[in-house]
Amino acid sequence: MEVSVVIVGQDKVMAALAALGGPEMDARIGSGLQAWGQVIQTAARRNLADHHFTGRAEQFTTVEGPVVSGSSIAVTIGIHGGLAPEGRPLEFGWASSSGKQPPSQPIYEWLTGSSAGRSVLTGFGASVNTTKAGFIPGSARLPASEESTARGLAFLIARSIGRKGYSFGKLSWLSKAASDTIEDGKAAFLRVVGR
């Protein structure tokens, strides 16, 4: 799950850089692309944050590069490594046919770590203590009796998803970030390269 940004053209900047030549030019363009990538990264993390309570995908949305290959220089923005499968369904949507039960641990984390999950728990009679920020304290997530309620409810939700199937639409968190930040990205690129 990644978006590549490659700049082709930019007449004035490229003409100034051409005068530098060689490795110095490549380094400046690479730094400019990295700045552009960081603009996209910030927007992508913001897009994810509203829909993804754990923060793992946001934390692992990175800018990698620049990579020089012949006459092209590129940076890559996206979720790299083991969390890439988390970002893919958020970008493109997801549908599960019946018969495949998801793991209940992420559902338990949602129940105990998000305001929507807490309201589901309290609807089932669990008393949930939260910090000022609204999250269950890490040292004592739930009293033992409430813990079993939350784990049992997470299992029931997972089993229901397995029996009925589940789907959600695409969020386009990464591609939207790339398209919404073109002007800001260009400005960041030109600031860095024009030094």
C-alpha atoms as a PDB file:
ATOM      1  CA  MET A   1       0.000   0.000   0.000  1.00  0.00           C
ATOM      2  CA  GLU A   2       1.953   2.995  -1.210  1.00  0.00           C
ATOM      3  CA  VAL A   3       1.845   6.067  -3.443  1.00  0.00           C
ATOM      4  CA  SER A   4       4.861   7.180  -5.437  1.00  0.00           C
ATOM      5  CA  VAL A   5       5.606  10.831  -6.131  1.00  0.00           C
ATOM      6  CA  VAL A   6       7.871  11.662  -9.038  1.00  0.00           C
ATOM      7  CA  ILE A   7       8.370  15.199 -10.361  1.00  0.00           C
ATOM      8  CA  VAL A   8       8.892  15.595 -14.071  1.00  0.00           C
ATOM      9  CA  GLY A   9       9.511  19.105 -15.397  1.00  0.00           C
ATOM     10  CA  GLN A  10       9.316  22.130 -13.086  1.00  0.00           C
ATOM     11  CA  ASP A  11      11.124  24.258 -15.663  1.00  0.00           C
ATOM     12  CA  LYS A  12      12.728  26.979 -13.535  1.00  0.00           C
ATOM     13  CA  VAL A  13      13.787  24.731 -10.693  1.00  0.00           C
ATOM     14  CA  MET A  14      15.089  22.058 -13.030  1.00  0.00           C
ATOM     15  CA  ALA A  15      17.081  24.617 -15.038  1.00  0.00           C
ATOM     16  CA  ALA A  16      18.697  25.940 -11.845  1.00  0.00           C
ATOM     17  CA  LEU A  17      19.448  22.415 -10.693  1.00  0.00           C
ATOM     18  CA  ALA A  18      20.882  21.433 -14.053  1.00  0.00           C
ATOM     19  CA  ALA A  19      23.583  24.043 -13.485  1.00  0.00           C
ATOM     20  CA  LEU A  20      24.583  22.191 -10.312  1.00  0.00           C
ATOM     21  CA  GLY A  21      24.767  18.806 -12.015  1.00  0.00           C
ATOM     22  CA  GLY A  22      25.596  15.388 -10.620  1.00  0.00           C
ATOM     23  CA  PRO A  23      25.166  14.242  -7.047  1.00  0.00           C
ATOM     24  CA  GLU A  24      24.376  17.701  -5.634  1.00  0.00           C
ATOM     25  CA  MET A  25      21.415  18.039  -7.991  1.00  0.00           C
ATOM     26  CA  ASP A  26      20.181  14.551  -7.121  1.00  0.00           C
ATOM     27  CA  ALA A  27      20.491  15.318  -3.397  1.00  0.00           C
ATOM     28  CA  ARG A  28      18.477  18.550  -3.699  1.00  0.00           C
ATOM     29  CA  ILE A  29      15.729  16.926  -5.757  1.00  0.00           C
ATOM     30  CA  GLY A  30      15.644  14.004  -3.327  1.00  0.00           C
ATOM     31  CA  SER A  31      15.308  16.369  -0.359  1.00  0.00           C
ATOM     32  CA  GLY A  32      12.532  18.249  -2.152  1.00  0.00           C
ATOM     33  CA  LEU A  33      10.653  15.037  -2.873  1.00  0.00           C
ATOM     34  CA  GLN A  34      11.060  14.013   0.750  1.00  0.00           C
ATOM     35  CA  ALA A  35       9.498  17.318   1.843  1.00  0.00           C
ATOM     36  CA  TRP A  36       6.596  16.712  -0.561  1.00  0.00           C
ATOM     37  CA  GLY A  37       6.237  13.186   0.778  1.00  0.00           C
ATOM     38  CA  GLN A  38       6.041  14.487   4.338  1.00  0.00           C
ATOM     39  CA  VAL A  39       3.156  16.779   3.335  1.00  0.00           C
ATOM     40  CA  ILE A  40       1.306  13.726   1.941  1.00  0.00           C
ATOM     41  CA  GLN A  41       2.241  11.660   5.005  1.00  0.00           C
ATOM     42  CA  THR A  42       0.755  14.252   7.374  1.00  0.00           C
ATOM     43  CA  ALA A  43      -2.505  14.405   5.398  1.00  0.00           C
ATOM     44  CA  ALA A  44      -2.707  10.594   5.131  1.00  0.00           C
ATOM     45  CA  ARG A  45      -2.232  10.175   8.891  1.00  0.00           C
ATOM     46  CA  ARG A  46      -4.939  12.758   9.513  1.00  0.00           C
ATOM     47  CA  ASN A  47      -7.306  10.939   7.123  1.00  0.00           C
ATOM     48  CA  LEU A  48      -6.694   7.646   8.940  1.00  0.00           C
ATOM     49  CA  ALA A  49      -6.977   9.035  12.452  1.00  0.00           C
ATOM     50  CA  ASP A  50     -10.711   9.734  12.136  1.00  0.00           C
ATOM     51  CA  HIS A  51     -11.443   6.121  11.188  1.00  0.00           C
ATOM     52  CA  HIS A  52      -8.778   4.070  12.886  1.00  0.00           C
ATOM     53  CA  PHE A  53      -8.588   4.189  16.655  1.00  0.00           C
ATOM     54  CA  THR A  54      -5.441   2.159  17.343  1.00  0.00           C
ATOM     55  CA  GLY A  55      -2.983   4.531  15.715  1.00  0.00           C
ATOM     56  CA  ARG A  56      -0.774   1.693  14.485  1.00  0.00           C
ATOM     57  CA  ALA A  57      -1.409   2.368  10.804  1.00  0.00           C
ATOM     58  CA  GLU A  58      -0.934   6.103  11.331  1.00  0.00           C
ATOM     59  CA  GLN A  59       2.381   5.557  13.127  1.00  0.00           C
ATOM     60  CA  PHE A  60       3.676   3.274  10.389  1.00  0.00           C
ATOM     61  CA  THR A  61       2.705   5.538   7.495  1.00  0.00           C
ATOM     62  CA  THR A  62       6.171   6.555   6.401  1.00  0.00           C
ATOM     63  CA  VAL A  63       8.112   8.347   3.708  1.00  0.00           C
ATOM     64  CA  GLU A  64      10.879   6.206   2.200  1.00  0.00           C
ATOM     65  CA  GLY A  65      13.540   7.334  -0.199  1.00  0.00           C
ATOM     66  CA  PRO A  66      14.690   9.126  -2.152  1.00  0.00           C
ATOM     67  CA  VAL A  67      15.681   6.317  -4.487  1.00  0.00           C
ATOM     68  CA  VAL A  68      17.719   7.245  -7.553  1.00  0.00           C
ATOM     69  CA  SER A  69      17.323   4.946 -10.518  1.00  0.00           C
ATOM     70  CA  GLY A  70      18.964   6.174 -13.715  1.00  0.00           C
ATOM     71  CA  SER A  71      17.433   9.577 -14.463  1.00  0.00           C
ATOM     72  CA  SER A  72      14.517   9.170 -12.051  1.00  0.00           C
ATOM     73  CA  ILE A  73      14.339  10.058  -8.359  1.00  0.00           C
ATOM     74  CA  ALA A  74      11.372   8.892  -6.283  1.00  0.00           C
ATOM     75  CA  VAL A  75      10.056   8.720  -2.741  1.00  0.00           C
ATOM     76  CA  THR A  76       7.379   6.331  -1.553  1.00  0.00           C
ATOM     77  CA  ILE A  77       4.695   7.181   0.983  1.00  0.00           C
ATOM     78  CA  GLY A  78       2.680   4.404   2.565  1.00  0.00           C
ATOM     79  CA  ILE A  79       2.402   1.745   5.209  1.00  0.00           C
ATOM     80  CA  HIS A  80       5.439  -0.473   4.947  1.00  0.00           C
ATOM     81  CA  GLY A  81       6.058  -3.875   6.461  1.00  0.00           C
ATOM     82  CA  GLY A  82       3.655  -5.932   8.518  1.00  0.00           C
ATOM     83  CA  LEU A  83       0.951  -3.282   8.814  1.00  0.00           C
ATOM     84  CA  ALA A  84       0.441  -2.891   5.062  1.00  0.00           C
ATOM     85  CA  PRO A  85      -2.508  -5.327   5.161  1.00  0.00           C
ATOM     86  CA  GLU A  86      -4.233  -2.937   7.617  1.00  0.00           C
ATOM     87  CA  GLY A  87      -3.979   0.002   5.231  1.00  0.00           C
ATOM     88  CA  ARG A  88      -5.137  -1.800   2.095  1.00  0.00           C
ATOM     89  CA  PRO A  89      -8.774  -2.424   3.142  1.00  0.00           C
ATOM     90  CA  LEU A  90      -9.022   1.118   4.517  1.00  0.00           C
ATOM     91  CA  GLU A  91      -7.954   2.455   1.107  1.00  0.00           C
ATOM     92  CA  PHE A  92      -9.954   0.129  -1.157  1.00  0.00           C
ATOM     93  CA  GLY A  93     -12.807  -1.078   1.098  1.00  0.00           C
ATOM     94  CA  TRP A  94     -13.372  -4.587   2.338  1.00  0.00           C
ATOM     95  CA  ALA A  95     -15.954  -7.340   2.094  1.00  0.00           C
ATOM     96  CA  SER A  96     -16.020 -10.704   3.786  1.00  0.00           C
ATOM     97  CA  SER A  97     -18.312 -13.480   2.761  1.00  0.00           C
ATOM     98  CA  SER A  98     -19.888 -15.522   5.493  1.00  0.00           C
ATOM     99  CA  GLY A  99     -17.907 -18.342   7.046  1.00  0.00           C
ATOM    100  CA  LYS A 100     -14.683 -16.536   7.923  1.00  0.00           C
ATOM    101  CA  GLN A 101     -14.566 -15.349  11.527  1.00  0.00           C
ATOM    102  CA  PRO A 102     -12.138 -12.495  12.228  1.00  0.00           C
ATOM    103  CA  PRO A 103      -9.917 -12.564  15.336  1.00  0.00           C
ATOM    104  CA  SER A 104     -11.677 -11.170  18.408  1.00  0.00           C
ATOM    105  CA  GLN A 105      -8.620  -9.339  19.886  1.00  0.00           C
ATOM    106  CA  PRO A 106      -8.890  -6.271  17.566  1.00  0.00           C
ATOM    107  CA  ILE A 107     -12.609  -6.114  18.336  1.00  0.00           C
ATOM    108  CA  TYR A 108     -11.812  -6.264  22.069  1.00  0.00           C
ATOM    109  CA  GLU A 109      -9.308  -3.413  21.586  1.00  0.00           C
ATOM    110  CA  TRP A 110     -12.010  -1.405  19.795  1.00  0.00           C
ATOM    111  CA  LEU A 111     -14.506  -2.094  22.579  1.00  0.00           C
ATOM    112  CA  THR A 112     -12.098  -0.980  25.294  1.00  0.00           C
ATOM    113  CA  GLY A 113     -10.261   1.777  23.442  1.00  0.00           C
ATOM    114  CA  SER A 114     -12.780   3.831  21.504  1.00  0.00           C
ATOM    115  CA  SER A 115     -15.770   5.929  22.518  1.00  0.00           C
ATOM    116  CA  ALA A 116     -18.071   3.946  20.209  1.00  0.00           C
ATOM    117  CA  GLY A 117     -16.833   0.662  21.704  1.00  0.00           C
ATOM    118  CA  ARG A 118     -17.242   1.954  25.255  1.00  0.00           C
ATOM    119  CA  SER A 119     -20.860   2.900  24.545  1.00  0.00           C
ATOM    120  CA  VAL A 120     -21.489  -0.663  23.297  1.00  0.00           C
ATOM    121  CA  LEU A 121     -19.934  -2.041  26.504  1.00  0.00           C
ATOM    122  CA  THR A 122     -21.952   0.251  28.757  1.00  0.00           C
ATOM    123  CA  GLY A 123     -25.069  -0.764  26.813  1.00  0.00           C
ATOM    124  CA  PHE A 124     -24.355  -4.320  27.953  1.00  0.00           C
ATOM    125  CA  GLY A 125     -24.078  -3.162  31.580  1.00  0.00           C
ATOM    126  CA  ALA A 126     -20.279  -2.923  31.906  1.00  0.00           C
ATOM    127  CA  SER A 127     -18.951   0.018  33.912  1.00  0.00           C
ATOM    128  CA  VAL A 128     -15.981   1.431  32.049  1.00  0.00           C
ATOM    129  CA  ASN A 129     -13.557   3.758  33.857  1.00  0.00           C
ATOM    130  CA  THR A 130     -11.760   6.153  31.549  1.00  0.00           C
ATOM    131  CA  THR A 131      -8.970   8.700  31.774  1.00  0.00           C
ATOM    132  CA  LYS A 132      -9.548  12.419  31.155  1.00  0.00           C
ATOM    133  CA  ALA A 133      -8.671  11.810  27.494  1.00  0.00           C
ATOM    134  CA  GLY A 134     -11.493   9.259  27.327  1.00  0.00           C
ATOM    135  CA  PHE A 135      -9.493   6.035  27.142  1.00  0.00           C
ATOM    136  CA  ILE A 136      -9.431   3.126  29.532  1.00  0.00           C
ATOM    137  CA  PRO A 137      -6.265   3.344  31.672  1.00  0.00           C
ATOM    138  CA  GLY A 138      -3.557   0.939  30.476  1.00  0.00           C
ATOM    139  CA  SER A 139      -2.597  -0.338  33.939  1.00  0.00           C
ATOM    140  CA  ALA A 140      -6.107  -1.453  34.853  1.00  0.00           C
ATOM    141  CA  ARG A 141      -8.035  -1.714  31.617  1.00  0.00           C
ATOM    142  CA  LEU A 142     -11.181  -3.210  33.147  1.00  0.00           C
ATOM    143  CA  PRO A 143     -12.184  -4.862  36.400  1.00  0.00           C
ATOM    144  CA  ALA A 144     -12.056  -8.678  36.083  1.00  0.00           C
ATOM    145  CA  SER A 145     -15.837  -9.058  35.719  1.00  0.00           C
ATOM    146  CA  GLU A 146     -15.956  -6.344  33.034  1.00  0.00           C
ATOM    147  CA  GLU A 147     -12.928  -7.871  31.290  1.00  0.00           C
ATOM    148  CA  SER A 148     -14.802 -11.125  30.735  1.00  0.00           C
ATOM    149  CA  THR A 149     -17.857  -9.176  29.511  1.00  0.00           C
ATOM    150  CA  ALA A 150     -15.712  -7.306  26.988  1.00  0.00           C
ATOM    151  CA  ARG A 151     -13.881 -10.441  25.795  1.00  0.00           C
ATOM    152  CA  GLY A 152     -17.154 -12.373  25.524  1.00  0.00           C
ATOM    153  CA  LEU A 153     -18.809  -9.572  23.596  1.00  0.00           C
ATOM    154  CA  ALA A 154     -15.779  -9.324  21.266  1.00  0.00           C
ATOM    155  CA  PHE A 155     -16.072 -13.047  20.553  1.00  0.00           C
ATOM    156  CA  LEU A 156     -19.823 -12.754  19.862  1.00  0.00           C
ATOM    157  CA  ILE A 157     -19.254  -9.853  17.460  1.00  0.00           C
ATOM    158  CA  ALA A 158     -16.491 -11.797  15.669  1.00  0.00           C
ATOM    159  CA  ARG A 159     -18.709 -14.868  15.418  1.00  0.00           C
ATOM    160  CA  SER A 160     -21.575 -12.781  14.033  1.00  0.00           C
ATOM    161  CA  ILE A 161     -19.268 -11.266  11.411  1.00  0.00           C
ATOM    162  CA  GLY A 162     -18.139 -14.780  10.488  1.00  0.00           C
ATOM    163  CA  ARG A 163     -21.705 -15.994  10.068  1.00  0.00           C
ATOM    164  CA  LYS A 164     -23.203 -12.990   8.279  1.00  0.00           C
ATOM    165  CA  GLY A 165     -20.222 -11.474   6.515  1.00  0.00           C
ATOM    166  CA  TYR A 166     -19.305  -7.813   6.731  1.00  0.00           C
ATOM    167  CA  SER A 167     -18.230  -5.025   4.420  1.00  0.00           C
ATOM    168  CA  PHE A 168     -17.330  -1.363   4.420  1.00  0.00           C
ATOM    169  CA  GLY A 169     -16.635   1.129   1.663  1.00  0.00           C
ATOM    170  CA  LYS A 170     -13.304   2.542   0.602  1.00  0.00           C
ATOM    171  CA  LEU A 171     -11.825   5.404   2.577  1.00  0.00           C
ATOM    172  CA  SER A 172      -9.142   6.354   0.016  1.00  0.00           C
ATOM    173  CA  TRP A 173      -7.051   7.780   2.869  1.00  0.00           C
ATOM    174  CA  LEU A 174      -3.744   7.671   0.962  1.00  0.00           C
ATOM    175  CA  SER A 175      -4.817   8.550  -2.586  1.00  0.00           C
ATOM    176  CA  LYS A 176      -6.994  11.393  -1.230  1.00  0.00           C
ATOM    177  CA  ALA A 177      -4.022  12.717   0.754  1.00  0.00           C
ATOM    178  CA  ALA A 178      -1.876  12.696  -2.414  1.00  0.00           C
ATOM    179  CA  SER A 179      -4.487  14.475  -4.549  1.00  0.00           C
ATOM    180  CA  ASP A 180      -5.562  16.995  -1.867  1.00  0.00           C
ATOM    181  CA  THR A 181      -2.016  18.192  -1.134  1.00  0.00           C
ATOM    182  CA  ILE A 182      -0.612  18.787  -4.615  1.00  0.00           C
ATOM    183  CA  GLU A 183      -0.202  22.555  -4.198  1.00  0.00           C
ATOM    184  CA  ASP A 184       1.191  22.267  -0.647  1.00  0.00           C
ATOM    185  CA  GLY A 185       3.523  19.498  -1.818  1.00  0.00           C
ATOM    186  CA  LYS A 186       4.810  21.571  -4.737  1.00  0.00           C
ATOM    187  CA  ALA A 187       5.414  24.506  -2.400  1.00  0.00           C
ATOM    188  CA  ALA A 188       7.347  22.286   0.041  1.00  0.00           C
ATOM    189  CA  PHE A 189       9.388  20.859  -2.825  1.00  0.00           C
ATOM    190  CA  LEU A 190      10.259  24.272  -4.220  1.00  0.00           C
ATOM    191  CA  ARG A 191      11.171  25.650  -0.773  1.00  0.00           C
ATOM    192  CA  VAL A 192      13.682  22.866  -0.194  1.00  0.00           C
ATOM    193  CA  VAL A 193      15.088  22.694  -3.723  1.00  0.00           C
ATOM    194  CA  GLY A 194      15.272  26.467  -4.182  1.00  0.00           C
ATOM    195  CA  ARG A 195      17.652  26.994  -1.230  1.00  0.00           C
END
